[in-house]
Amino acid sequence: MSTAQPAVVRPLTTGLRRLLYVAAALVALAGFQLFVLTDHTDRYFSWTIKPGMTAAFLGAGYVASFFFEALAARERHFARARISVPAVLSFTVLTEIATLSHLGKFHFHERIVWAGAAAYVWIAIYTGVPIAIVIFLVGQLRTPGHNPPRRAPIPVWATWILRLQAAILLPVGAILFVAPVRAGAFWPWTLTPLTGQAVGAWLLGTGVGVTHASIEADLVRVRPGLVAYAILGAAHLVALARYGSDVDWSRPSAWYYLAFIVSFLAIGSLGLVALGRARRDLK
């Protein structure tokens, strides 16, 4: 006997919505510390990051994540917000692993004002947020309702580009995370074991998000990701404009990196344009 489909679209639960807003506020703070106060991580961040290009790289990710999580939190339906969940969960778990592996690098013994406080807040966030996501996600998945139909399918060619990007981001991120010293030999600027793992966590988290977007295959459902993708590419270009001297442009990986961040900006921007057209056509 077939069961009737639930009559309502599954809403985004209050708990998960609030968690996304809290996460957005936290990444906004980290983005300010790393993307604006880039050269002062010894005083204002959880650990000292050198060279500046590394801090700006990480900061670009946090800036984009603010829009990713805040826009997801504003959605009424879970289907239009869930793209944020696997990416954020994977990134926070990986960052917690990297943190616990390098506790001696953090500013726990610095003055509690600024750097010392930042270190303790950091460990609290990356311990608590993954647990909170899992708890609220269980409640979210138990909420009755169905997914709305796909209204604006992602073009097939764009889906394949996303899959190609994910096929590069995931293994490169995994190599950096597992073997940051060895993998750092091909990276276009200097990485330490900790920053190598931090960069790897961002690549893996981005790869998870891109993979998820290709599975959702709908511009409406991945709107927060499109905005974040465009901002991520633009922020990385700003980081390069500020700290391009830290990059070894004689390495092919430097040009691969530049091509990738341009593709982030292009895919995100083109997706938003296509979404705008689709919404006008649906009216």
Foldseek 3Di string as FASTA:
>chain_A
DDDDADPAFQWQDPLLLVLLLVLLVVLVVLLCCQQVVLCPCVFAAFFDDPDSLLSLLLSLLSVLSSLLSNVLSPDTHCLQNVLNQVLVLLLLQLLLVLCVVPVVRTVCPPPCPRRNVNNVVSNVCSVPSNVSSVVSVVVSVPGGRHHDDFQAFADPVLLVVLVVLLVPLQVLLVCLQVPVVVSQVQAFADDDNSSSSNVSSSSNSVSSSSNVCSVSRHLSSCLSVLSSLLSSLVSSVVSCVVPVVRTNVVHVNVVVVNVVSVVSNVSSVVSVVSVVVSVVVVD
